Amino acid sequence: MHIFGKILGTFFGFLFGGLFGAVFGLFLGHQFDKARRLQQAGFRSSPFGGGPSQAQRQEEFFKAAFAVMGHVAKAKGQVTKEEIQLASTMMDRMNLHGELRTAAQEAFREGKSSDFPLDDVLARVKISSGGRFDLLQFFLELQISAAFADGSLHPSERDVLHRIAEKLGFSAQQLEQRLRMQEAAFRFQHGGFGGQGGQQQSGSWQQAPSANQLSDAYKVLGVDEDTDSKVLKRAYRKLMNEHHPDKLMAKGLPPEMMNVAKEKSQEIQNAYDLIKKVKGFK
């Protein structure tokens, strides 16, 4: 617990200003403790202007992503070996080695602490991303993907994801839609369409898809099954534009996360191609 600043602030505030001074000292101490927590989580503050560089913003985004993953994993109580393995799998997907992997592991552990300043970290994420919708959406979807990596979502994880979405500026309805899309994406990938890393498995396109697989393909794109070809194409283009790896990189996505962005784009492409093939759309 970070309470050292509060104790000192209250003590000296009361010493020099009585009750009013103690209250003011408590406030200053709280700000000091909060700054220490953020610093330990790998965030830099720039109170006197001259904001962080692009590289610093990318570093903050990267560390925050794994710290919040740790916080989501802890939502169910004790973090299990399976959840630690899920974090390792995410690091593998990003090809993290050496210092970068160590930084991700340390951030994940920081997120599991009982006094992890989730709201403050998410506020910093909005700053480091410049408030860009595509980057914030990627951050949220990264948390959803990690939570869904074992194929299920615990109610406590859902509650934390709602809090994360709210702090990033997404509505409850927007989060629930993304949860449905991710759940469908998990089934779609494990049903032979896309496979690990977004690569098509051998022979997967020769097999006739089931009704459930086709239904999941529509859900991956966030559209209804009776959607016509024009609406389907608009939804596909919108998602591809939002998740295009090069565009995300240009907006500040950490380069270590490029592979995950590529996988997401391939997932969207696979779902669209399957629907076109089955429905005969051009």
C-alpha atoms as a PDB file:
ATOM      1  CA  MET A   1       0.000   0.000   0.000  1.00  0.00           C
ATOM      2  CA  HIS A   2       1.246   3.479  -0.874  1.00  0.00           C
ATOM      3  CA  ILE A   3       0.320   5.575   2.186  1.00  0.00           C
ATOM      4  CA  PHE A   4       3.650   7.114   3.124  1.00  0.00           C
ATOM      5  CA  GLY A   5       2.782  10.429   1.471  1.00  0.00           C
ATOM      6  CA  LYS A   6      -0.635  10.570   3.133  1.00  0.00           C
ATOM      7  CA  ILE A   7       0.843   9.969   6.586  1.00  0.00           C
ATOM      8  CA  LEU A   8       3.522  12.616   6.218  1.00  0.00           C
ATOM      9  CA  GLY A   9       1.155  15.096   4.570  1.00  0.00           C
ATOM     10  CA  THR A  10      -1.444  14.717   7.319  1.00  0.00           C
ATOM     11  CA  PHE A  11       1.142  14.960  10.092  1.00  0.00           C
ATOM     12  CA  PHE A  12       2.881  18.099   8.866  1.00  0.00           C
ATOM     13  CA  GLY A  13      -0.392  19.639   7.726  1.00  0.00           C
ATOM     14  CA  PHE A  14      -1.868  19.250  11.210  1.00  0.00           C
ATOM     15  CA  LEU A  15       1.389  20.456  12.801  1.00  0.00           C
ATOM     16  CA  PHE A  16       1.392  23.729  10.891  1.00  0.00           C
ATOM     17  CA  GLY A  17      -2.274  24.279  10.116  1.00  0.00           C
ATOM     18  CA  GLY A  18      -4.436  22.335  12.511  1.00  0.00           C
ATOM     19  CA  LEU A  19      -7.424  20.391  11.176  1.00  0.00           C
ATOM     20  CA  PHE A  20      -7.615  22.358   7.935  1.00  0.00           C
ATOM     21  CA  GLY A  21      -3.897  21.846   7.371  1.00  0.00           C
ATOM     22  CA  ALA A  22      -4.257  18.113   8.020  1.00  0.00           C
ATOM     23  CA  VAL A  23      -6.965  17.820   5.348  1.00  0.00           C
ATOM     24  CA  PHE A  24      -4.881  19.771   2.854  1.00  0.00           C
ATOM     25  CA  GLY A  25      -1.786  17.717   3.748  1.00  0.00           C
ATOM     26  CA  LEU A  26      -3.769  14.503   3.229  1.00  0.00           C
ATOM     27  CA  PHE A  27      -4.727  15.685  -0.251  1.00  0.00           C
ATOM     28  CA  LEU A  28      -1.127  16.527  -1.154  1.00  0.00           C
ATOM     29  CA  GLY A  29       0.056  13.227   0.271  1.00  0.00           C
ATOM     30  CA  HIS A  30      -2.514  11.353  -1.810  1.00  0.00           C
ATOM     31  CA  GLN A  31      -1.230  13.047  -4.974  1.00  0.00           C
ATOM     32  CA  PHE A  32       2.330  12.093  -4.024  1.00  0.00           C
ATOM     33  CA  ASP A  33       1.378   8.457  -3.429  1.00  0.00           C
ATOM     34  CA  LYS A  34      -0.507   8.329  -6.722  1.00  0.00           C
ATOM     35  CA  ALA A  35       2.494   9.692  -8.602  1.00  0.00           C
ATOM     36  CA  ARG A  36       4.705   7.046  -6.968  1.00  0.00           C
ATOM     37  CA  ARG A  37       2.335   4.257  -8.020  1.00  0.00           C
ATOM     38  CA  LEU A  38       2.293   5.512 -11.598  1.00  0.00           C
ATOM     39  CA  GLN A  39       6.063   5.793 -11.625  1.00  0.00           C
ATOM     40  CA  GLN A  40       6.433   2.235 -10.380  1.00  0.00           C
ATOM     41  CA  ALA A  41       4.042   1.103 -13.124  1.00  0.00           C
ATOM     42  CA  GLY A  42       6.432   2.621 -15.649  1.00  0.00           C
ATOM     43  CA  PHE A  43       4.680   5.926 -16.347  1.00  0.00           C
ATOM     44  CA  ARG A  44       6.362   9.295 -16.578  1.00  0.00           C
ATOM     45  CA  SER A  45       4.727  12.534 -15.600  1.00  0.00           C
ATOM     46  CA  SER A  46       5.495  15.857 -17.264  1.00  0.00           C
ATOM     47  CA  PRO A  47       3.914  18.473 -15.020  1.00  0.00           C
ATOM     48  CA  PHE A  48       5.947  21.340 -16.467  1.00  0.00           C
ATOM     49  CA  GLY A  49       5.172  20.872 -20.149  1.00  0.00           C
ATOM     50  CA  GLY A  50       7.278  19.340 -22.890  1.00  0.00           C
ATOM     51  CA  GLY A  51       5.186  16.174 -23.036  1.00  0.00           C
ATOM     52  CA  PRO A  52       6.543  12.679 -23.629  1.00  0.00           C
ATOM     53  CA  SER A  53       8.100  11.730 -26.940  1.00  0.00           C
ATOM     54  CA  GLN A  54       6.530   9.251 -29.363  1.00  0.00           C
ATOM     55  CA  ALA A  55       8.835   6.510 -28.079  1.00  0.00           C
ATOM     56  CA  GLN A  56       7.865   7.282 -24.474  1.00  0.00           C
ATOM     57  CA  ARG A  57       4.157   7.212 -25.333  1.00  0.00           C
ATOM     58  CA  GLN A  58       4.598   3.849 -27.052  1.00  0.00           C
ATOM     59  CA  GLU A  59       6.471   2.531 -24.019  1.00  0.00           C
ATOM     60  CA  GLU A  60       3.683   3.686 -21.698  1.00  0.00           C
ATOM     61  CA  PHE A  61       1.043   2.091 -23.928  1.00  0.00           C
ATOM     62  CA  PHE A  62       3.021  -1.173 -24.005  1.00  0.00           C
ATOM     63  CA  LYS A  63       3.543  -1.364 -20.223  1.00  0.00           C
ATOM     64  CA  ALA A  64      -0.022  -0.334 -19.475  1.00  0.00           C
ATOM     65  CA  ALA A  65      -1.367  -3.082 -21.735  1.00  0.00           C
ATOM     66  CA  PHE A  66       0.395  -5.813 -19.760  1.00  0.00           C
ATOM     67  CA  ALA A  67      -0.242  -4.187 -16.383  1.00  0.00           C
ATOM     68  CA  VAL A  68      -3.976  -4.022 -17.066  1.00  0.00           C
ATOM     69  CA  MET A  69      -3.873  -7.635 -18.293  1.00  0.00           C
ATOM     70  CA  GLY A  70      -2.460  -8.564 -14.905  1.00  0.00           C
ATOM     71  CA  HIS A  71      -5.235  -6.631 -13.193  1.00  0.00           C
ATOM     72  CA  VAL A  72      -7.907  -8.386 -15.270  1.00  0.00           C
ATOM     73  CA  ALA A  73      -6.320 -11.771 -14.503  1.00  0.00           C
ATOM     74  CA  LYS A  74      -6.424 -10.982 -10.773  1.00  0.00           C
ATOM     75  CA  ALA A  75     -10.142 -10.103 -10.996  1.00  0.00           C
ATOM     76  CA  LYS A  76     -11.125 -13.717 -10.284  1.00  0.00           C
ATOM     77  CA  GLY A  77      -9.008 -13.762  -7.122  1.00  0.00           C
ATOM     78  CA  GLN A  78      -5.860 -15.841  -7.210  1.00  0.00           C
ATOM     79  CA  VAL A  79      -3.990 -15.689 -10.505  1.00  0.00           C
ATOM     80  CA  THR A  80      -3.668 -19.258 -11.781  1.00  0.00           C
ATOM     81  CA  LYS A  81      -0.884 -20.934 -13.737  1.00  0.00           C
ATOM     82  CA  GLU A  82      -3.195 -20.962 -16.737  1.00  0.00           C
ATOM     83  CA  GLU A  83      -3.594 -17.177 -16.642  1.00  0.00           C
ATOM     84  CA  ILE A  84       0.152 -16.689 -16.329  1.00  0.00           C
ATOM     85  CA  GLN A  85       0.540 -18.973 -19.337  1.00  0.00           C
ATOM     86  CA  LEU A  86      -1.994 -16.850 -21.219  1.00  0.00           C
ATOM     87  CA  ALA A  87       0.160 -13.772 -20.583  1.00  0.00           C
ATOM     88  CA  SER A  88       3.196 -15.700 -21.805  1.00  0.00           C
ATOM     89  CA  THR A  89       1.275 -16.701 -24.916  1.00  0.00           C
ATOM     90  CA  MET A  90       0.484 -13.058 -25.602  1.00  0.00           C
ATOM     91  CA  MET A  91       4.173 -12.240 -25.219  1.00  0.00           C
ATOM     92  CA  ASP A  92       4.984 -15.030 -27.671  1.00  0.00           C
ATOM     93  CA  ARG A  93       2.509 -13.596 -30.176  1.00  0.00           C
ATOM     94  CA  MET A  94       4.441 -10.315 -29.943  1.00  0.00           C
ATOM     95  CA  ASN A  95       7.802 -12.104 -30.241  1.00  0.00           C
ATOM     96  CA  LEU A  96       8.987 -10.527 -26.984  1.00  0.00           C
ATOM     97  CA  HIS A  97      12.427 -11.558 -25.801  1.00  0.00           C
ATOM     98  CA  GLY A  98      15.107 -10.272 -23.454  1.00  0.00           C
ATOM     99  CA  GLU A  99      14.487  -6.877 -21.867  1.00  0.00           C
ATOM    100  CA  LEU A 100      11.132  -6.388 -23.581  1.00  0.00           C
ATOM    101  CA  ARG A 101       9.776  -9.665 -22.227  1.00  0.00           C
ATOM    102  CA  THR A 102      11.102  -8.829 -18.769  1.00  0.00           C
ATOM    103  CA  ALA A 103       9.399  -5.421 -18.932  1.00  0.00           C
ATOM    104  CA  ALA A 104       6.110  -7.075 -19.933  1.00  0.00           C
ATOM    105  CA  GLN A 105       6.393  -9.605 -17.096  1.00  0.00           C
ATOM    106  CA  GLU A 106       7.132  -6.876 -14.545  1.00  0.00           C
ATOM    107  CA  ALA A 107       4.171  -4.821 -15.770  1.00  0.00           C
ATOM    108  CA  PHE A 108       1.905  -7.884 -15.534  1.00  0.00           C
ATOM    109  CA  ARG A 109       3.021  -8.462 -11.930  1.00  0.00           C
ATOM    110  CA  GLU A 110       2.477  -4.787 -11.094  1.00  0.00           C
ATOM    111  CA  GLY A 111      -1.091  -5.060 -12.385  1.00  0.00           C
ATOM    112  CA  LYS A 112      -1.783  -7.910  -9.949  1.00  0.00           C
ATOM    113  CA  SER A 113      -0.973  -5.771  -6.879  1.00  0.00           C
ATOM    114  CA  SER A 114      -3.878  -4.953  -4.577  1.00  0.00           C
ATOM    115  CA  ASP A 115      -3.317  -1.186  -4.843  1.00  0.00           C
ATOM    116  CA  PHE A 116      -2.825  -1.071  -8.614  1.00  0.00           C
ATOM    117  CA  PRO A 117      -4.071   2.406  -9.732  1.00  0.00           C
ATOM    118  CA  LEU A 118      -6.247   1.193 -12.617  1.00  0.00           C
ATOM    119  CA  ASP A 119      -8.110   4.459 -13.194  1.00  0.00           C
ATOM    120  CA  ASP A 120      -4.898   6.499 -13.186  1.00  0.00           C
ATOM    121  CA  VAL A 121      -3.172   4.105 -15.580  1.00  0.00           C
ATOM    122  CA  LEU A 122      -6.137   4.190 -17.966  1.00  0.00           C
ATOM    123  CA  ALA A 123      -6.108   7.979 -17.832  1.00  0.00           C
ATOM    124  CA  ARG A 124      -2.452   7.849 -18.866  1.00  0.00           C
ATOM    125  CA  VAL A 125      -3.348   5.451 -21.692  1.00  0.00           C
ATOM    126  CA  LYS A 126      -5.752   8.049 -23.069  1.00  0.00           C
ATOM    127  CA  ILE A 127      -2.950  10.613 -22.925  1.00  0.00           C
ATOM    128  CA  SER A 128      -0.292   8.351 -24.449  1.00  0.00           C
ATOM    129  CA  SER A 129      -2.667   7.384 -27.278  1.00  0.00           C
ATOM    130  CA  GLY A 130      -3.571  11.004 -27.944  1.00  0.00           C
ATOM    131  CA  GLY A 131      -7.211  10.020 -27.451  1.00  0.00           C
ATOM    132  CA  ARG A 132      -7.174   8.257 -30.841  1.00  0.00           C
ATOM    133  CA  PHE A 133     -10.200   5.971 -31.136  1.00  0.00           C
ATOM    134  CA  ASP A 134      -8.365   3.247 -33.082  1.00  0.00           C
ATOM    135  CA  LEU A 135      -5.597   2.930 -30.492  1.00  0.00           C
ATOM    136  CA  LEU A 136      -7.994   2.939 -27.545  1.00  0.00           C
ATOM    137  CA  GLN A 137     -10.123   0.325 -29.299  1.00  0.00           C
ATOM    138  CA  PHE A 138      -7.015  -1.799 -29.881  1.00  0.00           C
ATOM    139  CA  PHE A 139      -6.093  -1.490 -26.181  1.00  0.00           C
ATOM    140  CA  LEU A 140      -9.595  -2.572 -25.110  1.00  0.00           C
ATOM    141  CA  GLU A 141      -9.710  -5.448 -27.586  1.00  0.00           C
ATOM    142  CA  LEU A 142      -6.296  -6.598 -26.371  1.00  0.00           C
ATOM    143  CA  GLN A 143      -7.700  -6.907 -22.839  1.00  0.00           C
ATOM    144  CA  ILE A 144     -10.795  -8.714 -24.125  1.00  0.00           C
ATOM    145  CA  SER A 145      -8.658 -11.089 -26.192  1.00  0.00           C
ATOM    146  CA  ALA A 146      -6.464 -11.904 -23.195  1.00  0.00           C
ATOM    147  CA  ALA A 147      -9.499 -12.469 -20.957  1.00  0.00           C
ATOM    148  CA  PHE A 148     -11.063 -14.760 -23.582  1.00  0.00           C
ATOM    149  CA  ALA A 149      -7.858 -16.680 -24.305  1.00  0.00           C
ATOM    150  CA  ASP A 150      -9.096 -19.678 -22.302  1.00  0.00           C
ATOM    151  CA  GLY A 151     -12.438 -19.649 -24.116  1.00  0.00           C
ATOM    152  CA  SER A 152     -14.558 -18.271 -21.272  1.00  0.00           C
ATOM    153  CA  LEU A 153     -15.157 -15.031 -19.396  1.00  0.00           C
ATOM    154  CA  HIS A 154     -15.610 -14.914 -15.623  1.00  0.00           C
ATOM    155  CA  PRO A 155     -18.246 -12.440 -14.299  1.00  0.00           C
ATOM    156  CA  SER A 156     -15.527 -10.619 -12.334  1.00  0.00           C
ATOM    157  CA  GLU A 157     -13.472 -10.234 -15.515  1.00  0.00           C
ATOM    158  CA  ARG A 158     -16.521  -8.848 -17.291  1.00  0.00           C
ATOM    159  CA  ASP A 159     -17.008  -6.293 -14.512  1.00  0.00           C
ATOM    160  CA  VAL A 160     -13.388  -5.122 -14.780  1.00  0.00           C
ATOM    161  CA  LEU A 161     -13.642  -4.933 -18.572  1.00  0.00           C
ATOM    162  CA  HIS A 162     -16.704  -2.709 -18.207  1.00  0.00           C
ATOM    163  CA  ARG A 163     -14.732  -0.412 -15.905  1.00  0.00           C
ATOM    164  CA  ILE A 164     -11.843  -0.332 -18.379  1.00  0.00           C
ATOM    165  CA  ALA A 165     -14.169   0.410 -21.286  1.00  0.00           C
ATOM    166  CA  GLU A 166     -15.870   3.239 -19.387  1.00  0.00           C
ATOM    167  CA  LYS A 167     -12.567   4.882 -18.476  1.00  0.00           C
ATOM    168  CA  LEU A 168     -11.417   4.665 -22.091  1.00  0.00           C
ATOM    169  CA  GLY A 169     -14.621   6.308 -23.320  1.00  0.00           C
ATOM    170  CA  PHE A 170     -16.601   3.291 -24.552  1.00  0.00           C
ATOM    171  CA  SER A 171     -20.217   2.638 -23.616  1.00  0.00           C
ATOM    172  CA  ALA A 172     -21.463  -0.566 -22.010  1.00  0.00           C
ATOM    173  CA  GLN A 173     -23.221  -1.407 -25.289  1.00  0.00           C
ATOM    174  CA  GLN A 174     -20.008  -0.972 -27.270  1.00  0.00           C
ATOM    175  CA  LEU A 175     -18.154  -3.259 -24.892  1.00  0.00           C
ATOM    176  CA  GLU A 176     -20.837  -5.944 -25.023  1.00  0.00           C
ATOM    177  CA  GLN A 177     -20.726  -5.894 -28.832  1.00  0.00           C
ATOM    178  CA  ARG A 178     -16.955  -6.350 -28.764  1.00  0.00           C
ATOM    179  CA  LEU A 179     -17.332  -9.192 -26.264  1.00  0.00           C
ATOM    180  CA  ARG A 180     -19.736 -10.949 -28.639  1.00  0.00           C
ATOM    181  CA  MET A 181     -17.354 -10.357 -31.547  1.00  0.00           C
ATOM    182  CA  GLN A 182     -14.391 -11.725 -29.596  1.00  0.00           C
ATOM    183  CA  GLU A 183     -16.317 -14.775 -28.382  1.00  0.00           C
ATOM    184  CA  ALA A 184     -17.286 -15.521 -31.978  1.00  0.00           C
ATOM    185  CA  ALA A 185     -13.685 -14.906 -33.107  1.00  0.00           C
ATOM    186  CA  PHE A 186     -12.430 -17.459 -30.569  1.00  0.00           C
ATOM    187  CA  ARG A 187     -14.825 -20.103 -31.914  1.00  0.00           C
ATOM    188  CA  PHE A 188     -14.126 -19.113 -35.513  1.00  0.00           C
ATOM    189  CA  GLN A 189     -10.358 -19.489 -35.101  1.00  0.00           C
ATOM    190  CA  HIS A 190     -10.646 -22.811 -33.303  1.00  0.00           C
ATOM    191  CA  GLY A 191     -13.150 -24.100 -35.856  1.00  0.00           C
ATOM    192  CA  GLY A 192     -10.492 -24.371 -38.564  1.00  0.00           C
ATOM    193  CA  PHE A 193     -10.776 -20.897 -40.088  1.00  0.00           C
ATOM    194  CA  GLY A 194      -7.654 -18.881 -39.411  1.00  0.00           C
ATOM    195  CA  GLY A 195      -5.900 -21.000 -36.818  1.00  0.00           C
ATOM    196  CA  GLN A 196      -3.108 -19.758 -34.579  1.00  0.00           C
ATOM    197  CA  GLY A 197      -1.580 -16.513 -35.715  1.00  0.00           C
ATOM    198  CA  GLY A 198      -4.350 -15.855 -38.235  1.00  0.00           C
ATOM    199  CA  GLN A 199      -2.951 -18.299 -40.815  1.00  0.00           C
ATOM    200  CA  GLN A 200      -5.320 -20.454 -42.804  1.00  0.00           C
ATOM    201  CA  GLN A 201      -5.000 -24.113 -41.943  1.00  0.00           C
ATOM    202  CA  SER A 202      -4.368 -26.570 -44.724  1.00  0.00           C
ATOM    203  CA  GLY A 203      -7.622 -27.611 -46.342  1.00  0.00           C
ATOM    204  CA  SER A 204      -9.789 -25.377 -44.185  1.00  0.00           C
ATOM    205  CA  TRP A 205     -11.362 -23.643 -47.174  1.00  0.00           C
ATOM    206  CA  GLN A 206     -12.127 -26.960 -48.839  1.00  0.00           C
ATOM    207  CA  GLN A 207     -14.239 -28.108 -45.911  1.00  0.00           C
ATOM    208  CA  ALA A 208     -17.878 -27.055 -45.957  1.00  0.00           C
ATOM    209  CA  PRO A 209     -18.430 -24.663 -43.031  1.00  0.00           C
ATOM    210  CA  SER A 210     -21.153 -25.416 -40.548  1.00  0.00           C
ATOM    211  CA  ALA A 211     -24.056 -23.055 -39.902  1.00  0.00           C
ATOM    212  CA  ASN A 212     -22.444 -22.107 -36.583  1.00  0.00           C
ATOM    213  CA  GLN A 213     -19.130 -21.271 -38.241  1.00  0.00           C
ATOM    214  CA  LEU A 214     -20.875 -19.069 -40.786  1.00  0.00           C
ATOM    215  CA  SER A 215     -22.850 -17.405 -37.985  1.00  0.00           C
ATOM    216  CA  ASP A 216     -19.612 -16.720 -36.110  1.00  0.00           C
ATOM    217  CA  ALA A 217     -18.087 -15.176 -39.243  1.00  0.00           C
ATOM    218  CA  TYR A 218     -20.939 -12.651 -39.330  1.00  0.00           C
ATOM    219  CA  LYS A 219     -20.462 -11.914 -35.632  1.00  0.00           C
ATOM    220  CA  VAL A 220     -16.732 -11.350 -36.125  1.00  0.00           C
ATOM    221  CA  LEU A 221     -17.715  -8.548 -38.505  1.00  0.00           C
ATOM    222  CA  GLY A 222     -20.395  -7.279 -36.112  1.00  0.00           C
ATOM    223  CA  VAL A 223     -23.289  -7.675 -38.558  1.00  0.00           C
ATOM    224  CA  ASP A 224     -26.512  -9.695 -38.708  1.00  0.00           C
ATOM    225  CA  GLU A 225     -26.769 -12.843 -40.810  1.00  0.00           C
ATOM    226  CA  ASP A 226     -29.399 -11.288 -43.091  1.00  0.00           C
ATOM    227  CA  THR A 227     -27.080  -8.376 -43.956  1.00  0.00           C
ATOM    228  CA  ASP A 228     -26.874  -7.686 -47.692  1.00  0.00           C
ATOM    229  CA  SER A 229     -23.591  -7.557 -49.586  1.00  0.00           C
ATOM    230  CA  LYS A 230     -23.299  -3.753 -49.581  1.00  0.00           C
ATOM    231  CA  VAL A 231     -23.736  -3.411 -45.807  1.00  0.00           C
ATOM    232  CA  LEU A 232     -21.403  -6.354 -45.267  1.00  0.00           C
ATOM    233  CA  LYS A 233     -18.709  -4.745 -47.401  1.00  0.00           C
ATOM    234  CA  ARG A 234     -19.033  -1.425 -45.536  1.00  0.00           C
ATOM    235  CA  ALA A 235     -18.668  -3.199 -42.186  1.00  0.00           C
ATOM    236  CA  TYR A 236     -15.653  -5.121 -43.461  1.00  0.00           C
ATOM    237  CA  ARG A 237     -13.941  -2.014 -44.825  1.00  0.00           C
ATOM    238  CA  LYS A 238     -14.616  -0.082 -41.615  1.00  0.00           C
ATOM    239  CA  LEU A 239     -13.096  -2.814 -39.456  1.00  0.00           C
ATOM    240  CA  MET A 240     -10.093  -3.216 -41.750  1.00  0.00           C
ATOM    241  CA  ASN A 241      -9.519   0.533 -41.712  1.00  0.00           C
ATOM    242  CA  GLU A 242      -9.684   0.624 -37.897  1.00  0.00           C
ATOM    243  CA  HIS A 243      -7.361  -2.372 -37.489  1.00  0.00           C
ATOM    244  CA  HIS A 244      -4.913  -1.814 -40.341  1.00  0.00           C
ATOM    245  CA  PRO A 245      -1.453  -2.466 -38.804  1.00  0.00           C
ATOM    246  CA  ASP A 246       0.346   0.266 -40.751  1.00  0.00           C
ATOM    247  CA  LYS A 247      -2.273   2.872 -39.843  1.00  0.00           C
ATOM    248  CA  LEU A 248      -2.155   1.872 -36.182  1.00  0.00           C
ATOM    249  CA  MET A 249       1.642   2.100 -36.215  1.00  0.00           C
ATOM    250  CA  ALA A 250       1.446   5.570 -37.742  1.00  0.00           C
ATOM    251  CA  LYS A 251      -0.891   6.614 -34.920  1.00  0.00           C
ATOM    252  CA  GLY A 252       1.455   5.387 -32.211  1.00  0.00           C
ATOM    253  CA  LEU A 253       0.942   1.647 -31.771  1.00  0.00           C
ATOM    254  CA  PRO A 254       4.078   0.130 -30.190  1.00  0.00           C
ATOM    255  CA  PRO A 255       5.990  -1.823 -32.849  1.00  0.00           C
ATOM    256  CA  GLU A 256       6.013  -4.880 -30.567  1.00  0.00           C
ATOM    257  CA  MET A 257       2.243  -5.122 -31.023  1.00  0.00           C
ATOM    258  CA  MET A 258       2.336  -5.149 -34.822  1.00  0.00           C
ATOM    259  CA  ASN A 259       1.931  -8.946 -35.004  1.00  0.00           C
ATOM    260  CA  VAL A 260      -1.253  -8.835 -32.916  1.00  0.00           C
ATOM    261  CA  ALA A 261      -2.672  -6.145 -35.208  1.00  0.00           C
ATOM    262  CA  LYS A 262      -1.804  -8.280 -38.242  1.00  0.00           C
ATOM    263  CA  GLU A 263      -3.546 -11.286 -36.693  1.00  0.00           C
ATOM    264  CA  LYS A 264      -6.680  -9.229 -36.066  1.00  0.00           C
ATOM    265  CA  SER A 265      -6.727  -7.976 -39.655  1.00  0.00           C
ATOM    266  CA  GLN A 266      -6.299 -11.536 -40.939  1.00  0.00           C
ATOM    267  CA  GLU A 267      -9.126 -12.687 -38.686  1.00  0.00           C
ATOM    268  CA  ILE A 268     -11.432 -10.039 -40.179  1.00  0.00           C
ATOM    269  CA  GLN A 269     -10.290 -10.963 -43.698  1.00  0.00           C
ATOM    270  CA  ASN A 270     -10.910 -14.688 -43.120  1.00  0.00           C
ATOM    271  CA  ALA A 271     -14.429 -14.060 -41.825  1.00  0.00           C
ATOM    272  CA  TYR A 272     -15.270 -11.827 -44.791  1.00  0.00           C
ATOM    273  CA  ASP A 273     -13.825 -14.296 -47.313  1.00  0.00           C
ATOM    274  CA  LEU A 274     -15.824 -17.175 -45.826  1.00  0.00           C
ATOM    275  CA  ILE A 275     -19.116 -15.260 -46.037  1.00  0.00           C
ATOM    276  CA  LYS A 276     -18.391 -14.208 -49.631  1.00  0.00           C
ATOM    277  CA  LYS A 277     -17.587 -17.804 -50.578  1.00  0.00           C
ATOM    278  CA  VAL A 278     -20.707 -19.311 -49.003  1.00  0.00           C
ATOM    279  CA  LYS A 279     -23.121 -16.558 -50.066  1.00  0.00           C
ATOM    280  CA  GLY A 280     -21.595 -15.994 -53.488  1.00  0.00           C
ATOM    281  CA  PHE A 281     -20.991 -12.286 -52.829  1.00  0.00           C
ATOM    282  CA  LYS A 282     -18.515 -10.441 -55.025  1.00  0.00           C
END
